[in-house]
Amino acid sequence: MNTAKLRSKRVIVTTVAAAALLGVGGTVWATAASADADVQGGDRDRVAAAAVQAAGGGTATDVETSDDAGQAYEVEVRKADGTEVDVALDKNLAVVTQKADTEDGTDTPDRVLSDTERTSAEKAALGAVSGGTVLQVEAGDDGAAYEVEVRGADNVEYDVELDSAFKVLTKNADN
């Protein structure tokens, strides 16, 4: 028996097995890592532009992949008047659904905040969540005048409710 040939076969088989394991593991990792990720880079720009056009103008505030049948992307668009529109697009960027985003599930948009109200609410919420970044400000319901979503420096999202004088009523970590 040729021992050099046998050793060579062991090295090749071991190398192929390791490569196969790494390839499968790498694929699983990439799939799992991208399943919940926001859409980034040039893809985000393309998808956001399509959604903003469908909504009739505004700014895309959130662009995500969708796990709903027939939808590839879900985009939140904030219009100049402060209202928000949810736009679902297919893989070809055609509109699947489009609806005004409301807190109570009706087709009536939330009260539009003035620039002064929005700025004051942001300032109050950032005072409650040190080092945070405001994600969303809207008119409140259920007793609060304003509701502000803030991502803290610890990467935890907080819901901050304010009264009409911009005093913090509650601050809760978003689950």
N, C-alpha and C. Protein backbone atom coordinates (compact mmCIF):
# COMPACT_ATOMS: atom_id res chain seq x y z
N MET A 1 0.83 -1.18 0.00
CA MET A 1 0.00 0.00 0.00
C MET A 1 0.88 1.24 0.00
N ASN A 2 0.52 2.23 -0.78
CA ASN A 2 1.28 3.45 -0.90
C ASN A 2 0.80 4.43 0.16
N THR A 3 1.60 4.64 1.23
CA THR A 3 1.19 5.51 2.34
C THR A 3 1.14 6.98 1.95
N ALA A 4 1.98 7.41 1.04
CA ALA A 4 1.96 8.81 0.61
C ALA A 4 0.64 9.13 -0.08
N LYS A 5 0.16 8.21 -0.91
CA LYS A 5 -1.10 8.40 -1.61
C LYS A 5 -2.26 8.43 -0.62
N LEU A 6 -2.23 7.56 0.40
CA LEU A 6 -3.26 7.49 1.42
C LEU A 6 -3.32 8.79 2.23
N ARG A 7 -2.15 9.30 2.61
CA ARG A 7 -2.10 10.58 3.35
C ARG A 7 -2.67 11.71 2.50
N SER A 8 -2.34 11.72 1.23
CA SER A 8 -2.84 12.76 0.33
C SER A 8 -4.36 12.72 0.25
N LYS A 9 -4.94 11.52 0.18
CA LYS A 9 -6.39 11.38 0.13
C LYS A 9 -7.03 11.88 1.42
N ARG A 10 -6.40 11.60 2.58
CA ARG A 10 -6.94 12.06 3.86
C ARG A 10 -6.97 13.59 3.91
N VAL A 11 -5.93 14.23 3.45
CA VAL A 11 -5.86 15.69 3.45
C VAL A 11 -6.95 16.27 2.54
N ILE A 12 -7.11 15.68 1.37
CA ILE A 12 -8.11 16.17 0.42
C ILE A 12 -9.51 15.99 0.99
N VAL A 13 -9.81 14.82 1.51
CA VAL A 13 -11.13 14.55 2.07
C VAL A 13 -11.42 15.49 3.24
N THR A 14 -10.44 15.67 4.12
CA THR A 14 -10.61 16.57 5.27
C THR A 14 -10.83 18.00 4.80
N THR A 15 -10.10 18.44 3.82
CA THR A 15 -10.23 19.80 3.30
C THR A 15 -11.60 20.01 2.66
N VAL A 16 -12.04 19.04 1.86
CA VAL A 16 -13.35 19.14 1.22
C VAL A 16 -14.45 19.16 2.27
N ALA A 17 -14.35 18.31 3.29
CA ALA A 17 -15.36 18.27 4.35
C ALA A 17 -15.42 19.61 5.09
N ALA A 18 -14.27 20.18 5.41
CA ALA A 18 -14.23 21.46 6.12
C ALA A 18 -14.83 22.57 5.25
N ALA A 19 -14.48 22.57 3.97
CA ALA A 19 -15.02 23.59 3.07
C ALA A 19 -16.54 23.46 2.95
N ALA A 20 -17.02 22.23 2.89
CA ALA A 20 -18.48 22.02 2.80
C ALA A 20 -19.17 22.53 4.05
N LEU A 21 -18.60 22.24 5.21
CA LEU A 21 -19.19 22.72 6.46
C LEU A 21 -19.18 24.24 6.53
N LEU A 22 -18.07 24.84 6.16
CA LEU A 22 -17.99 26.30 6.18
C LEU A 22 -18.94 26.92 5.18
N GLY A 23 -19.06 26.34 4.01
CA GLY A 23 -19.96 26.86 2.99
C GLY A 23 -21.40 26.80 3.44
N VAL A 24 -21.83 25.70 4.00
CA VAL A 24 -23.20 25.58 4.49
C VAL A 24 -23.41 26.51 5.66
N GLY A 25 -22.47 26.53 6.60
CA GLY A 25 -22.59 27.41 7.77
C GLY A 25 -22.62 28.86 7.38
N GLY A 26 -21.78 29.22 6.39
CA GLY A 26 -21.75 30.60 5.94
C GLY A 26 -23.06 31.00 5.28
N THR A 27 -23.65 30.09 4.52
CA THR A 27 -24.92 30.38 3.87
C THR A 27 -26.02 30.55 4.90
N VAL A 28 -26.08 29.68 5.87
CA VAL A 28 -27.09 29.78 6.91
C VAL A 28 -26.92 31.08 7.67
N TRP A 29 -25.69 31.44 8.00
CA TRP A 29 -25.44 32.68 8.74
C TRP A 29 -25.88 33.88 7.92
N ALA A 30 -25.53 33.90 6.63
CA ALA A 30 -25.88 35.05 5.80
C ALA A 30 -27.39 35.18 5.67
N THR A 31 -28.07 34.06 5.52
CA THR A 31 -29.52 34.09 5.41
C THR A 31 -30.15 34.57 6.69
N ALA A 32 -29.69 34.06 7.82
CA ALA A 32 -30.26 34.47 9.11
C ALA A 32 -29.95 35.92 9.41
N ALA A 33 -28.76 36.37 9.06
CA ALA A 33 -28.38 37.75 9.37
C ALA A 33 -29.17 38.75 8.54
N SER A 34 -29.52 38.38 7.29
CA SER A 34 -30.20 39.35 6.45
C SER A 34 -31.72 39.27 6.55
N ALA A 35 -32.25 38.26 7.21
CA ALA A 35 -33.70 38.09 7.26
C ALA A 35 -34.40 39.24 7.96
N ASP A 36 -33.81 39.82 9.01
CA ASP A 36 -34.45 40.87 9.77
C ASP A 36 -33.83 42.24 9.53
N ALA A 37 -32.88 42.33 8.63
CA ALA A 37 -32.14 43.57 8.44
C ALA A 37 -32.93 44.58 7.62
N ASP A 38 -32.72 45.85 7.94
CA ASP A 38 -33.26 46.91 7.11
C ASP A 38 -32.53 46.85 5.76
N VAL A 39 -33.18 47.35 4.74
CA VAL A 39 -32.57 47.40 3.41
C VAL A 39 -31.54 48.52 3.44
N GLN A 40 -30.35 48.28 2.91
CA GLN A 40 -29.24 49.23 3.00
C GLN A 40 -28.72 49.63 1.62
N GLY A 41 -27.95 50.68 1.58
CA GLY A 41 -27.20 51.10 0.40
C GLY A 41 -28.06 51.48 -0.79
N GLY A 42 -27.57 51.08 -1.98
CA GLY A 42 -28.25 51.40 -3.22
C GLY A 42 -29.64 50.79 -3.31
N ASP A 43 -29.79 49.57 -2.75
CA ASP A 43 -31.12 48.95 -2.75
C ASP A 43 -32.10 49.79 -1.96
N ARG A 44 -31.66 50.31 -0.80
CA ARG A 44 -32.53 51.16 0.01
C ARG A 44 -32.95 52.39 -0.78
N ASP A 45 -32.00 53.00 -1.46
CA ASP A 45 -32.29 54.21 -2.23
C ASP A 45 -33.32 53.94 -3.32
N ARG A 46 -33.17 52.83 -4.05
CA ARG A 46 -34.11 52.47 -5.12
C ARG A 46 -35.51 52.23 -4.57
N VAL A 47 -35.58 51.42 -3.50
CA VAL A 47 -36.88 51.07 -2.91
C VAL A 47 -37.54 52.31 -2.31
N ALA A 48 -36.76 53.12 -1.60
CA ALA A 48 -37.29 54.34 -0.98
C ALA A 48 -37.83 55.29 -2.04
N ALA A 49 -37.10 55.46 -3.13
CA ALA A 49 -37.54 56.37 -4.20
C ALA A 49 -38.87 55.90 -4.80
N ALA A 50 -39.02 54.60 -5.00
CA ALA A 50 -40.26 54.06 -5.56
C ALA A 50 -41.43 54.30 -4.60
N ALA A 51 -41.20 54.11 -3.31
CA ALA A 51 -42.27 54.29 -2.32
C ALA A 51 -42.64 55.76 -2.17
N VAL A 52 -41.66 56.64 -2.16
CA VAL A 52 -41.93 58.08 -2.05
C VAL A 52 -42.72 58.55 -3.27
N GLN A 53 -42.36 58.07 -4.44
CA GLN A 53 -43.11 58.44 -5.65
C GLN A 53 -44.55 57.94 -5.55
N ALA A 54 -44.74 56.72 -5.09
CA ALA A 54 -46.10 56.15 -4.95
C ALA A 54 -46.93 56.93 -3.95
N ALA A 55 -46.28 57.44 -2.88
CA ALA A 55 -46.99 58.18 -1.84
C ALA A 55 -47.25 59.63 -2.23
N GLY A 56 -46.69 60.07 -3.34
CA GLY A 56 -46.90 61.44 -3.78
C GLY A 56 -45.95 62.42 -3.13
N GLY A 57 -44.79 61.95 -2.73
CA GLY A 57 -43.78 62.81 -2.12
C GLY A 57 -43.58 62.50 -0.66
N GLY A 58 -42.51 63.04 -0.09
CA GLY A 58 -42.18 62.84 1.31
C GLY A 58 -40.79 62.27 1.47
N THR A 59 -40.55 61.67 2.64
CA THR A 59 -39.26 61.09 2.96
C THR A 59 -39.46 59.68 3.49
N ALA A 60 -38.72 58.73 2.96
CA ALA A 60 -38.79 57.36 3.47
C ALA A 60 -38.06 57.31 4.81
N THR A 61 -38.78 56.93 5.87
CA THR A 61 -38.18 56.89 7.20
C THR A 61 -37.77 55.49 7.61
N ASP A 62 -38.34 54.46 6.96
CA ASP A 62 -38.01 53.08 7.29
C ASP A 62 -38.20 52.22 6.05
N VAL A 63 -37.19 51.45 5.69
CA VAL A 63 -37.26 50.56 4.53
C VAL A 63 -36.82 49.18 4.99
N GLU A 64 -37.73 48.21 4.90
CA GLU A 64 -37.43 46.86 5.38
C GLU A 64 -37.87 45.83 4.35
N THR A 65 -37.26 44.64 4.43
CA THR A 65 -37.77 43.54 3.64
C THR A 65 -39.05 43.05 4.29
N SER A 66 -39.94 42.47 3.49
CA SER A 66 -41.22 42.00 4.00
C SER A 66 -41.26 40.48 4.00
N ASP A 67 -41.94 39.92 4.99
CA ASP A 67 -42.15 38.49 5.01
C ASP A 67 -43.59 38.14 4.64
N ASP A 68 -44.36 39.13 4.19
CA ASP A 68 -45.74 38.91 3.77
C ASP A 68 -45.76 38.41 2.32
N ALA A 69 -46.67 37.50 2.04
CA ALA A 69 -46.79 36.93 0.70
C ALA A 69 -47.07 38.02 -0.33
N GLY A 70 -46.33 37.98 -1.44
CA GLY A 70 -46.53 38.94 -2.52
C GLY A 70 -45.84 40.27 -2.31
N GLN A 71 -45.22 40.46 -1.16
CA GLN A 71 -44.53 41.71 -0.86
C GLN A 71 -43.03 41.45 -0.69
N ALA A 72 -42.22 42.32 -1.23
CA ALA A 72 -40.77 42.22 -1.04
C ALA A 72 -40.28 43.27 -0.05
N TYR A 73 -40.95 44.44 -0.02
CA TYR A 73 -40.50 45.54 0.83
C TYR A 73 -41.67 46.23 1.52
N GLU A 74 -41.39 46.77 2.70
CA GLU A 74 -42.34 47.61 3.43
C GLU A 74 -41.63 48.92 3.73
N VAL A 75 -42.26 50.02 3.36
CA VAL A 75 -41.64 51.34 3.49
C VAL A 75 -42.59 52.29 4.19
N GLU A 76 -42.08 53.03 5.18
CA GLU A 76 -42.85 54.10 5.82
C GLU A 76 -42.38 55.41 5.21
N VAL A 77 -43.34 56.19 4.73
CA VAL A 77 -43.04 57.49 4.11
C VAL A 77 -43.70 58.58 4.94
N ARG A 78 -42.91 59.58 5.38
CA ARG A 78 -43.46 60.74 6.09
C ARG A 78 -43.61 61.86 5.09
N LYS A 79 -44.85 62.32 4.95
CA LYS A 79 -45.15 63.39 4.00
C LYS A 79 -44.82 64.74 4.64
N ALA A 80 -44.78 65.78 3.84
CA ALA A 80 -44.42 67.12 4.30
C ALA A 80 -45.35 67.62 5.40
N ASP A 81 -46.61 67.18 5.39
CA ASP A 81 -47.56 67.64 6.41
C ASP A 81 -47.47 66.83 7.71
N GLY A 82 -46.53 65.88 7.76
CA GLY A 82 -46.33 65.09 8.98
C GLY A 82 -47.08 63.77 9.00
N THR A 83 -48.01 63.56 8.08
CA THR A 83 -48.72 62.29 8.04
C THR A 83 -47.78 61.21 7.49
N GLU A 84 -48.12 59.97 7.79
CA GLU A 84 -47.30 58.87 7.33
C GLU A 84 -48.12 57.92 6.47
N VAL A 85 -47.44 57.33 5.49
CA VAL A 85 -48.07 56.38 4.58
C VAL A 85 -47.21 55.12 4.58
N ASP A 86 -47.86 53.95 4.73
CA ASP A 86 -47.18 52.67 4.62
C ASP A 86 -47.34 52.18 3.19
N VAL A 87 -46.21 51.89 2.54
CA VAL A 87 -46.24 51.43 1.16
C VAL A 87 -45.58 50.05 1.10
N ALA A 88 -46.29 49.07 0.57
CA ALA A 88 -45.74 47.74 0.35
C ALA A 88 -45.45 47.58 -1.13
N LEU A 89 -44.24 47.11 -1.46
CA LEU A 89 -43.82 46.95 -2.85
C LEU A 89 -43.46 45.50 -3.13
N ASP A 90 -43.65 45.07 -4.38
CA ASP A 90 -43.21 43.73 -4.76
C ASP A 90 -41.75 43.80 -5.20
N LYS A 91 -41.19 42.67 -5.64
CA LYS A 91 -39.77 42.63 -5.99
C LYS A 91 -39.43 43.52 -7.19
N ASN A 92 -40.44 43.87 -8.01
CA ASN A 92 -40.22 44.77 -9.15
C ASN A 92 -40.52 46.22 -8.81
N LEU A 93 -40.74 46.49 -7.53
CA LEU A 93 -41.03 47.82 -6.99
C LEU A 93 -42.40 48.35 -7.41
N ALA A 94 -43.30 47.45 -7.74
CA ALA A 94 -44.69 47.84 -8.02
C ALA A 94 -45.43 47.88 -6.69
N VAL A 95 -46.35 48.83 -6.54
CA VAL A 95 -47.10 48.98 -5.30
C VAL A 95 -48.06 47.81 -5.12
N VAL A 96 -47.98 47.16 -3.96
CA VAL A 96 -48.91 46.09 -3.60
C VAL A 96 -50.04 46.69 -2.77
N THR A 97 -49.68 47.45 -1.74
CA THR A 97 -50.67 48.16 -0.93
C THR A 97 -50.09 49.51 -0.52
N GLN A 98 -51.01 50.42 -0.22
CA GLN A 98 -50.62 51.74 0.27
C GLN A 98 -51.73 52.23 1.17
N LYS A 99 -51.39 52.62 2.39
CA LYS A 99 -52.42 53.11 3.30
C LYS A 99 -51.85 54.13 4.27
N ALA A 100 -52.72 55.03 4.70
CA ALA A 100 -52.33 56.01 5.71
C ALA A 100 -52.07 55.27 7.00
N ASP A 101 -51.00 55.61 7.68
CA ASP A 101 -50.62 54.98 8.94
C ASP A 101 -51.32 55.71 10.07
N THR A 102 -52.24 55.03 10.76
CA THR A 102 -52.95 55.63 11.88
C THR A 102 -52.78 54.76 13.11
N GLU A 103 -52.89 55.36 14.26
CA GLU A 103 -52.76 54.64 15.52
C GLU A 103 -53.97 53.79 15.83
N ASP A 104 -55.16 54.26 15.44
CA ASP A 104 -56.38 53.56 15.85
C ASP A 104 -56.96 52.64 14.79
N GLY A 105 -56.24 52.44 13.67
CA GLY A 105 -56.70 51.51 12.65
C GLY A 105 -57.74 52.08 11.70
N THR A 106 -58.14 53.34 11.86
CA THR A 106 -59.10 53.95 10.95
C THR A 106 -58.36 54.57 9.77
N ASP A 107 -59.09 55.06 8.81
CA ASP A 107 -58.46 55.72 7.67
C ASP A 107 -58.23 57.21 7.91
N THR A 108 -58.52 57.68 9.11
CA THR A 108 -58.33 59.08 9.44
C THR A 108 -56.91 59.28 9.95
N PRO A 109 -56.13 60.14 9.30
CA PRO A 109 -54.76 60.35 9.75
C PRO A 109 -54.72 60.98 11.14
N ASP A 110 -53.63 60.74 11.85
CA ASP A 110 -53.44 61.36 13.15
C ASP A 110 -53.32 62.87 12.98
N ARG A 111 -53.56 63.58 14.08
CA ARG A 111 -53.43 65.03 14.06
C ARG A 111 -52.00 65.39 13.65
N VAL A 112 -51.89 66.33 12.74
CA VAL A 112 -50.59 66.77 12.27
C VAL A 112 -49.99 67.73 13.29
N LEU A 113 -48.75 67.49 13.67
CA LEU A 113 -48.06 68.35 14.64
C LEU A 113 -47.40 69.52 13.94
N SER A 114 -47.40 70.66 14.61
CA SER A 114 -46.67 71.81 14.09
C SER A 114 -45.18 71.57 14.32
N ASP A 115 -44.35 72.34 13.63
CA ASP A 115 -42.90 72.21 13.82
C ASP A 115 -42.52 72.50 15.27
N THR A 116 -43.19 73.48 15.88
CA THR A 116 -42.90 73.84 17.27
C THR A 116 -43.26 72.69 18.21
N GLU A 117 -44.42 72.08 17.99
CA GLU A 117 -44.82 70.94 18.81
C GLU A 117 -43.82 69.79 18.66
N ARG A 118 -43.47 69.48 17.42
CA ARG A 118 -42.54 68.37 17.15
C ARG A 118 -41.19 68.62 17.82
N THR A 119 -40.66 69.84 17.68
CA THR A 119 -39.36 70.18 18.28
C THR A 119 -39.42 70.10 19.80
N SER A 120 -40.47 70.61 20.40
CA SER A 120 -40.61 70.58 21.86
C SER A 120 -40.75 69.15 22.37
N ALA A 121 -41.50 68.33 21.66
CA ALA A 121 -41.68 66.94 22.06
C ALA A 121 -40.37 66.18 21.95
N GLU A 122 -39.62 66.41 20.88
CA GLU A 122 -38.31 65.77 20.71
C GLU A 122 -37.37 66.14 21.86
N LYS A 123 -37.33 67.43 22.18
CA LYS A 123 -36.44 67.92 23.25
C LYS A 123 -36.81 67.27 24.58
N ALA A 124 -38.09 67.20 24.91
CA ALA A 124 -38.53 66.60 26.17
C ALA A 124 -38.20 65.11 26.22
N ALA A 125 -38.43 64.42 25.13
CA ALA A 125 -38.16 62.98 25.09
C ALA A 125 -36.67 62.69 25.19
N LEU A 126 -35.86 63.51 24.54
CA LEU A 126 -34.40 63.32 24.63
C LEU A 126 -33.89 63.62 26.03
N GLY A 127 -34.58 64.49 26.77
CA GLY A 127 -34.24 64.73 28.16
C GLY A 127 -34.52 63.50 29.02
N ALA A 128 -35.50 62.71 28.61
CA ALA A 128 -35.86 61.50 29.37
C ALA A 128 -34.99 60.30 28.99
N VAL A 129 -34.44 60.31 27.77
CA VAL A 129 -33.59 59.21 27.30
C VAL A 129 -32.25 59.81 26.90
N SER A 130 -31.35 59.85 27.84
CA SER A 130 -30.04 60.47 27.64
C SER A 130 -29.28 59.82 26.49
N GLY A 131 -28.74 60.64 25.61
CA GLY A 131 -27.94 60.15 24.49
C GLY A 131 -28.75 59.46 23.42
N GLY A 132 -30.06 59.68 23.41
CA GLY A 132 -30.94 58.99 22.48
C GLY A 132 -31.07 59.68 21.14
N THR A 133 -31.76 59.00 20.24
CA THR A 133 -32.08 59.51 18.91
C THR A 133 -33.58 59.35 18.71
N VAL A 134 -34.24 60.43 18.34
CA VAL A 134 -35.68 60.38 18.11
C VAL A 134 -35.96 59.65 16.81
N LEU A 135 -36.85 58.65 16.88
CA LEU A 135 -37.24 57.89 15.70
C LEU A 135 -38.57 58.36 15.14
N GLN A 136 -39.49 58.76 16.04
CA GLN A 136 -40.82 59.14 15.59
C GLN A 136 -41.49 60.00 16.64
N VAL A 137 -42.23 61.01 16.19
CA VAL A 137 -43.03 61.88 17.06
C VAL A 137 -44.42 61.95 16.46
N GLU A 138 -45.43 61.76 17.30
CA GLU A 138 -46.80 61.86 16.80
C GLU A 138 -47.74 62.32 17.90
N ALA A 139 -48.90 62.76 17.48
CA ALA A 139 -49.94 63.14 18.44
C ALA A 139 -50.31 61.91 19.25
N GLY A 140 -50.54 62.12 20.53
CA GLY A 140 -50.85 61.00 21.40
C GLY A 140 -52.31 60.63 21.41
N ASP A 141 -52.56 59.52 22.06
CA ASP A 141 -53.92 59.07 22.30
C ASP A 141 -53.91 58.43 23.69
N ASP A 142 -55.04 58.02 24.18
CA ASP A 142 -55.13 57.38 25.50
C ASP A 142 -54.57 58.26 26.62
N GLY A 143 -54.83 59.57 26.56
CA GLY A 143 -54.44 60.45 27.66
C GLY A 143 -53.15 61.21 27.48
N ALA A 144 -52.29 60.80 26.58
CA ALA A 144 -51.04 61.51 26.34
C ALA A 144 -51.23 62.46 25.16
N ALA A 145 -50.65 63.65 25.26
CA ALA A 145 -50.76 64.61 24.16
C ALA A 145 -49.79 64.26 23.03
N TYR A 146 -48.61 63.70 23.39
CA TYR A 146 -47.59 63.37 22.41
C TYR A 146 -46.98 62.02 22.74
N GLU A 147 -46.61 61.28 21.70
CA GLU A 147 -45.92 60.01 21.85
C GLU A 147 -44.65 60.09 21.02
N VAL A 148 -43.52 59.79 21.68
CA VAL A 148 -42.23 59.89 21.01
C VAL A 148 -41.51 58.55 21.15
N GLU A 149 -41.01 58.04 20.04
CA GLU A 149 -40.22 56.81 20.05
C GLU A 149 -38.75 57.22 19.96
N VAL A 150 -37.95 56.75 20.91
CA VAL A 150 -36.55 57.14 21.00
C VAL A 150 -35.68 55.89 21.11
N ARG A 151 -34.59 55.84 20.33
CA ARG A 151 -33.59 54.78 20.50
C ARG A 151 -32.50 55.34 21.40
N GLY A 152 -32.30 54.68 22.55
CA GLY A 152 -31.31 55.12 23.51
C GLY A 152 -29.90 54.77 23.08
N ALA A 153 -28.92 55.34 23.77
CA ALA A 153 -27.52 55.04 23.50
C ALA A 153 -27.24 53.55 23.70
N ASP A 154 -28.06 52.88 24.51
CA ASP A 154 -27.92 51.45 24.77
C ASP A 154 -28.60 50.61 23.69
N ASN A 155 -29.07 51.26 22.60
CA ASN A 155 -29.74 50.63 21.46
C ASN A 155 -31.11 50.04 21.80
N VAL A 156 -31.66 50.43 22.95
CA VAL A 156 -33.01 50.02 23.34
C VAL A 156 -33.96 51.12 22.88
N GLU A 157 -35.13 50.71 22.35
CA GLU A 157 -36.12 51.70 21.94
C GLU A 157 -37.08 51.96 23.09
N TYR A 158 -37.37 53.23 23.32
CA TYR A 158 -38.26 53.66 24.39
C TYR A 158 -39.46 54.39 23.82
N ASP A 159 -40.60 54.16 24.43
CA ASP A 159 -41.81 54.92 24.13
C ASP A 159 -41.96 55.95 25.24
N VAL A 160 -41.94 57.23 24.88
CA VAL A 160 -42.05 58.32 25.85
C VAL A 160 -43.37 59.04 25.59
N GLU A 161 -44.21 59.11 26.61
CA GLU A 161 -45.48 59.82 26.49
C GLU A 161 -45.37 61.14 27.24
N LEU A 162 -45.91 62.20 26.60
CA LEU A 162 -45.81 63.55 27.15
C LEU A 162 -47.20 64.16 27.29
N ASP A 163 -47.34 65.06 28.27
CA ASP A 163 -48.61 65.79 28.38
C ASP A 163 -48.54 67.02 27.48
N SER A 164 -49.57 67.84 27.49
CA SER A 164 -49.64 68.99 26.59
C SER A 164 -48.60 70.07 26.91
N ALA A 165 -48.02 70.03 28.13
CA ALA A 165 -46.95 70.96 28.50
C ALA A 165 -45.57 70.34 28.27
N PHE A 166 -45.53 69.19 27.58
CA PHE A 166 -44.31 68.47 27.26
C PHE A 166 -43.61 67.89 28.49
N LYS A 167 -44.38 67.60 29.51
CA LYS A 167 -43.87 66.93 30.70
C LYS A 167 -43.98 65.42 30.47
N VAL A 168 -42.93 64.68 30.85
CA VAL A 168 -42.92 63.24 30.66
C VAL A 168 -43.94 62.58 31.57
N LEU A 169 -44.85 61.83 30.96
CA LEU A 169 -45.84 61.06 31.73
C LEU A 169 -45.33 59.65 31.98
N THR A 170 -44.82 59.00 30.93
CA THR A 170 -44.27 57.65 31.05
C THR A 170 -43.08 57.49 30.12
N LYS A 171 -42.20 56.57 30.49
CA LYS A 171 -41.06 56.17 29.65
C LYS A 171 -40.94 54.67 29.80
N ASN A 172 -41.21 53.94 28.73
CA ASN A 172 -41.17 52.47 28.78
C ASN A 172 -40.29 51.93 27.70
N ALA A 173 -39.46 50.93 28.06
CA ALA A 173 -38.66 50.23 27.06
C ALA A 173 -39.60 49.46 26.17
N ASP A 174 -39.40 49.55 24.87
CA ASP A 174 -40.25 48.88 23.90
C ASP A 174 -39.80 47.43 23.81
N ASN A 175 -40.75 46.54 23.97
CA ASN A 175 -40.42 45.11 23.96
C ASN A 175 -40.36 44.60 22.58
